[in-house]
Protein backbone atom coordinates (compact mmCIF):
# COMPACT_ATOMS: atom_id res chain seq x y z
CA MET A 1 20.18 23.35 20.63
CA LYS A 2 19.04 26.33 18.56
CA GLN A 3 15.56 27.55 19.40
CA TYR A 4 13.16 28.39 16.58
CA ARG A 5 9.95 30.34 16.24
CA LEU A 6 7.41 28.52 14.08
CA LEU A 7 4.11 29.63 12.57
CA PHE A 8 1.57 26.87 11.86
CA LEU A 9 -1.33 27.60 9.50
CA SER A 10 -4.50 25.51 9.49
CA TRP A 11 -8.21 26.06 8.92
CA ARG A 12 -9.09 24.15 12.09
CA ASP A 13 -7.50 24.00 15.53
CA ILE A 14 -7.87 22.04 18.75
CA ARG A 15 -10.88 24.20 19.82
CA SER A 16 -12.68 24.00 16.48
CA PRO A 17 -16.17 22.41 16.57
CA LEU A 18 -15.04 20.37 13.53
CA LYS A 19 -11.75 19.21 15.01
CA GLY A 20 -10.65 15.65 14.40
CA GLY A 21 -7.58 13.47 14.39
CA ALA A 22 -5.53 15.88 12.26
CA GLU A 23 -6.04 18.71 14.74
CA THR A 24 -5.17 16.44 17.68
CA PHE A 25 -2.02 15.25 15.94
CA THR A 26 -0.99 18.82 15.10
CA HIS A 27 -1.55 19.98 18.68
CA GLU A 28 0.56 17.13 20.07
CA LEU A 29 3.30 17.89 17.53
CA MET A 30 3.36 21.56 18.52
CA LYS A 31 3.25 20.69 22.21
CA GLY A 32 6.35 18.54 21.73
CA LEU A 33 8.13 21.41 19.98
CA VAL A 34 7.30 23.74 22.87
CA LYS A 35 8.70 21.23 25.36
CA LYS A 36 11.97 21.31 23.39
CA GLY A 37 12.15 25.06 23.87
CA HIS A 38 10.75 26.34 20.56
CA GLN A 39 8.11 29.08 20.25
CA VAL A 40 5.00 28.04 18.34
CA THR A 41 2.08 30.11 17.04
CA HIS A 42 -0.94 28.52 15.37
CA PHE A 43 -3.11 30.69 13.10
CA SER A 44 -6.62 29.69 11.98
CA PRO A 45 -10.12 31.12 11.39
CA GLN A 46 -12.11 32.17 14.42
CA TYR A 47 -15.15 30.11 15.32
CA SER A 48 -18.05 31.21 17.52
CA GLY A 49 -17.20 30.88 21.19
CA THR A 50 -13.42 30.83 20.71
CA LEU A 51 -10.91 33.47 21.82
CA SER A 52 -8.96 35.51 19.29
CA VAL A 53 -5.75 34.76 21.20
CA GLU A 54 -5.09 32.12 23.85
CA VAL A 55 -2.26 29.90 25.06
CA ILE A 56 -2.85 26.14 25.33
CA ASP A 57 -0.04 23.85 26.49
CA GLY A 58 2.44 26.63 25.79
CA ILE A 59 1.19 27.08 22.17
CA GLU A 60 -0.04 30.52 21.15
CA TYR A 61 -3.32 30.08 19.29
CA ARG A 62 -4.39 33.03 17.14
CA ARG A 63 -7.73 33.19 15.32
CA LYS A 64 -9.07 35.78 12.92
CA GLY A 65 -11.51 35.86 10.01
CA ASN A 66 -13.36 33.02 8.33
CA MET A 67 -12.00 30.23 6.11
CA PHE A 68 -11.51 32.73 3.26
CA THR A 69 -10.42 35.96 4.96
CA VAL A 70 -8.00 34.03 7.20
CA LEU A 71 -5.72 33.85 4.16
CA TYR A 72 -5.24 37.62 4.32
CA HIS A 73 -5.03 37.81 8.11
CA SER A 74 -2.43 35.02 8.39
CA ALA A 75 -0.27 36.54 5.63
CA ASN A 76 -0.54 39.94 7.31
CA PHE A 77 0.54 38.43 10.64
CA TYR A 78 3.52 36.80 8.93
CA PHE A 79 4.66 40.00 7.20
CA ARG A 80 4.48 41.89 10.48
CA ASN A 81 6.61 39.23 12.19
CA HIS A 82 8.65 37.66 9.37
CA GLN A 83 11.97 38.79 10.82
CA ILE A 84 11.52 36.62 13.93
CA ILE A 85 9.69 33.66 12.31
CA HIS A 86 12.08 30.91 11.22
CA TYR A 87 9.61 28.53 9.55
CA VAL A 88 6.00 28.57 8.34
CA VAL A 89 4.19 25.20 8.41
CA ASP A 90 1.27 25.27 5.96
CA GLN A 91 -1.12 22.44 6.83
CA CYS A 92 -3.16 21.31 3.83
CA ASN A 93 -6.41 19.66 4.89
CA THR A 94 -8.38 20.31 1.67
CA HIS A 95 -8.23 24.01 2.57
CA ARG A 96 -4.79 25.60 2.18
CA PHE A 97 -3.04 28.94 2.75
CA PHE A 98 -1.03 29.16 -0.51
CA SER A 99 2.07 30.06 1.49
CA PHE A 100 4.23 29.38 -1.57
CA LEU A 101 2.98 32.76 -2.86
CA TRP A 102 4.16 34.79 0.14
CA VAL A 103 6.79 32.81 2.11
CA LYS A 104 10.22 32.18 0.63
CA ARG A 105 11.09 28.52 0.04
CA SER A 106 13.80 28.32 2.70
CA LYS A 107 11.17 29.07 5.36
CA ARG A 108 8.34 26.89 4.02
CA VAL A 109 7.23 23.50 5.30
CA PHE A 110 4.25 21.77 3.69
CA PHE A 111 2.20 19.54 6.04
CA ILE A 112 -0.43 17.10 4.71
CA HIS A 113 -2.13 14.06 6.25
CA GLN A 114 -3.70 12.62 3.12
CA LEU A 115 -4.94 13.59 -0.32
CA THR A 116 -8.65 14.23 -0.71
CA ARG A 117 -9.13 12.53 -4.12
CA GLU A 118 -12.39 10.51 -4.21
CA ILE A 119 -13.65 12.22 -1.03
CA TRP A 120 -14.51 15.21 -3.22
CA PHE A 121 -17.39 13.16 -4.67
CA TYR A 122 -18.78 12.48 -1.19
CA HIS A 123 -18.23 15.90 0.32
CA ALA A 124 -19.02 18.42 -2.44
CA LYS A 125 -21.83 18.95 -4.92
CA PHE A 126 -21.72 19.20 -8.71
CA PRO A 127 -19.69 20.78 -10.28
CA PHE A 128 -17.38 21.50 -7.33
CA HIS A 129 -16.49 17.83 -6.77
CA TYR A 130 -15.12 17.54 -10.31
CA LEU A 131 -13.32 20.86 -9.96
CA GLY A 132 -11.73 19.81 -6.66
CA PHE A 133 -10.74 16.40 -7.99
CA VAL A 134 -9.01 17.89 -11.04
CA LEU A 135 -7.37 20.85 -9.30
CA GLU A 136 -6.05 19.03 -6.21
CA PRO A 137 -2.99 17.37 -7.81
CA LEU A 138 -2.24 20.53 -9.80
CA LEU A 139 -2.25 22.68 -6.65
CA LEU A 140 -0.18 20.13 -4.74
CA TRP A 141 2.33 20.13 -7.61
CA LEU A 142 3.07 23.78 -6.81
CA ASN A 143 4.54 22.62 -3.47
CA ARG A 144 6.60 19.80 -4.98
CA ASN A 145 9.94 21.44 -4.10
CA ASP A 146 8.99 22.29 -0.51
CA ARG A 147 10.10 20.39 2.55
CA CYS A 148 7.11 18.23 3.40
CA ILE A 149 5.73 16.43 6.46
CA THR A 150 3.18 13.64 6.24
CA VAL A 151 2.01 10.81 8.48
CA SER A 152 2.06 7.67 6.35
CA GLU A 153 3.96 5.82 3.64
CA SER A 154 0.83 5.75 1.46
CA THR A 155 0.49 9.55 1.45
CA LYS A 156 4.20 9.91 0.71
CA HIS A 157 3.73 7.57 -2.25
CA ASP A 158 0.83 9.71 -3.52
CA LEU A 159 2.96 12.85 -3.23
CA LEU A 160 5.91 11.30 -5.06
CA LYS A 161 3.59 10.41 -7.96
CA ILE A 162 2.63 14.08 -8.23
CA GLY A 163 6.27 15.18 -8.35
CA PHE A 164 7.42 15.71 -4.75
CA ARG A 165 11.07 14.85 -4.11
CA ASP A 166 11.71 11.77 -2.00
CA HIS A 167 14.44 13.38 0.11
CA ASN A 168 12.14 16.31 0.96
CA VAL A 169 9.26 14.21 2.35
CA THR A 170 9.50 13.18 6.01
CA ILE A 171 7.05 10.76 7.66
CA LEU A 172 6.01 11.52 11.24
CA PRO A 173 3.91 8.50 12.32
CA GLU A 174 0.82 9.13 14.39
CA GLY A 175 0.87 7.86 17.96
CA LEU A 176 -1.33 7.22 20.98
CA ASP A 177 -2.18 9.72 23.69
CA ILE A 178 -3.01 6.90 26.14
CA PRO A 179 -0.74 4.10 27.41
CA PRO A 180 -1.30 0.92 25.32
CA LEU A 181 -2.91 -1.96 27.17
CA LYS A 182 -0.77 -4.91 28.14
CA GLN A 183 -1.86 -8.18 26.57
CA GLU A 184 -2.88 -9.60 29.95
CA ASP A 185 -5.30 -6.67 30.38
CA PHE A 186 -7.20 -7.42 27.16
CA TYR A 187 -10.85 -8.36 27.57
CA GLN A 188 -11.80 -11.87 26.61
CA LYS A 189 -13.54 -12.08 23.25
CA GLU A 190 -17.30 -12.00 23.47
CA GLU A 191 -19.11 -15.05 22.16
CA THR A 192 -21.40 -12.61 20.35
CA PRO A 193 -19.59 -11.17 17.31
CA THR A 194 -19.16 -7.44 17.98
CA PHE A 195 -17.92 -4.79 15.55
CA LEU A 196 -16.67 -1.35 16.58
CA TYR A 197 -16.64 1.68 14.26
CA ILE A 198 -14.77 4.77 15.47
CA GLY A 199 -15.10 7.97 13.44
CA ARG A 200 -17.07 11.18 13.08
CA MET A 201 -20.44 10.59 11.44
CA ALA A 202 -19.97 11.92 7.92
CA LYS A 203 -20.70 10.56 4.45
CA TYR A 204 -17.05 10.37 3.36
CA LYS A 205 -16.01 8.54 6.55
CA GLY A 206 -17.66 5.34 5.31
CA ILE A 207 -20.17 4.72 8.12
CA HIS A 208 -22.92 3.90 5.60
CA ASP A 209 -20.72 1.33 3.83
CA ALA A 210 -19.86 -0.25 7.19
CA LEU A 211 -23.56 -0.59 8.03
CA VAL A 212 -24.33 -2.20 4.67
CA ALA A 213 -21.55 -4.75 5.30
CA TYR A 214 -22.85 -5.37 8.84
CA ARG A 215 -26.37 -5.90 7.48
CA GLU A 216 -25.13 -8.83 5.39
CA PHE A 217 -23.20 -10.28 8.33
CA ASN A 218 -26.19 -9.88 10.65
CA LYS A 219 -28.33 -12.01 8.35
CA GLU A 220 -26.13 -15.01 9.15
CA TYR A 221 -25.33 -14.00 12.74
CA PRO A 222 -28.47 -12.24 14.03
CA LYS A 223 -27.10 -11.95 17.58
CA SER A 224 -24.10 -9.88 16.43
CA LYS A 225 -23.67 -6.26 17.53
CA PHE A 226 -22.37 -3.12 15.86
CA TRP A 227 -21.09 -0.27 18.04
CA VAL A 228 -20.50 3.22 16.64
CA ILE A 229 -18.32 5.77 18.47
CA GLY A 230 -17.87 9.29 17.08
CA ALA A 231 -19.42 12.76 16.96
CA PHE A 232 -23.10 12.41 16.06
CA ASN A 233 -24.57 14.23 13.05
CA GLN A 234 -28.35 14.38 13.41
CA GLU A 235 -29.02 15.62 9.88
CA TYR A 236 -26.95 12.91 8.18
CA PHE A 237 -28.35 10.30 10.56
CA SER A 238 -31.99 11.22 9.78
CA LYS A 239 -31.52 11.49 6.01
CA THR A 240 -29.26 8.50 5.38
CA ILE A 241 -28.27 6.27 8.30
CA GLU A 242 -31.71 5.89 9.86
CA GLN A 243 -33.22 5.06 6.46
CA GLU A 244 -30.62 2.32 5.95
CA LEU A 245 -31.36 0.87 9.40
CA ILE A 246 -35.09 0.78 8.72
CA LYS A 247 -34.59 -0.76 5.28
CA SER A 248 -32.28 -3.38 6.77
CA SER A 249 -34.64 -4.13 9.70
CA LEU A 250 -31.80 -3.43 12.16
CA SER A 251 -32.76 -2.26 15.64
CA TYR A 252 -30.78 0.65 17.03
CA ALA A 253 -30.35 3.02 19.95
CA ILE A 254 -28.67 6.38 20.46
CA THR A 255 -26.90 6.19 23.82
CA ASP A 256 -24.57 8.28 25.93
CA GLY A 257 -21.24 6.56 25.70
CA ARG A 258 -22.26 2.98 26.43
CA PRO A 259 -23.62 0.21 24.19
CA ASP A 260 -27.20 -1.02 24.43
CA ASN A 261 -27.00 -4.81 24.13
CA LYS A 262 -30.74 -5.06 23.50
CA VAL A 263 -30.35 -3.66 19.98
CA ASP A 264 -28.28 -4.49 16.90
CA VAL A 265 -26.61 -1.09 16.48
CA SER A 266 -25.58 1.32 19.25
CA PHE A 267 -24.66 4.92 18.42
CA MET A 268 -22.65 6.13 21.42
CA GLY A 269 -21.64 9.60 20.21
CA PHE A 270 -18.30 11.14 21.09
CA VAL A 271 -16.42 9.18 23.76
CA SER A 272 -13.24 10.60 25.27
CA SER A 273 -9.96 8.71 25.03
CA LYS A 274 -9.92 8.32 28.81
CA LYS A 275 -13.39 6.78 28.83
CA ARG A 276 -12.61 4.51 25.82
CA SER A 277 -9.56 3.12 27.61
CA SER A 278 -11.42 2.39 30.84
CA THR A 279 -14.64 0.79 29.57
């Protein structure tokens, strides 16, 4: 099998303080490529406390600049090494590297998990949310002829509506990094209705909407519980979530990875995959 050298571009990596599912998926994808004998370099901005160059699971991670200047630094790295780089994978996660301006089409691969669309109105202030909402499909249209990787049929459908070509879009489904439980190992259902929310605490992730829905359920089933797992955001909690809890007369606790059954809502913070699968 021919071995390739690939350059991945993304504004976050597996060491980023803002890393999430997309960064985990990308790391696992690159790790699989390395195991097959390919050489992989990942280029991203440098965050405080991270190394400018390090190797993780055989992947060369390079970091330089901030989310704006990284555009120059990544292009400069490519031009200095373009003769040995076979493909450039430009990962669009709101932020993008505009590789269509400086990498020829035969070497380009566009990588996107999902479109941002209505998230602009949660995550940006006026007038930038309108600007982002209008410009997103226009900017994506510029990549319509590129080979494209995405993770779901729904995102592929969104891309085809913009003008991407069906035969150019490949779906790589997301997987598990832990062995799935056998049915006989499932816990018995609790008599007390219990809801579990897993996701980083952010406005656009929908945690507030989930709490509003739980509030209505809790009125009819006051013994029910709501567990929240995900990186804790103290500012958003104090300004929004805590106010909703007080207004709804829901008791709550902030714990360290385990639910508090004495309260309605338990915020458990970030819980590792290993711990989630064993508790």
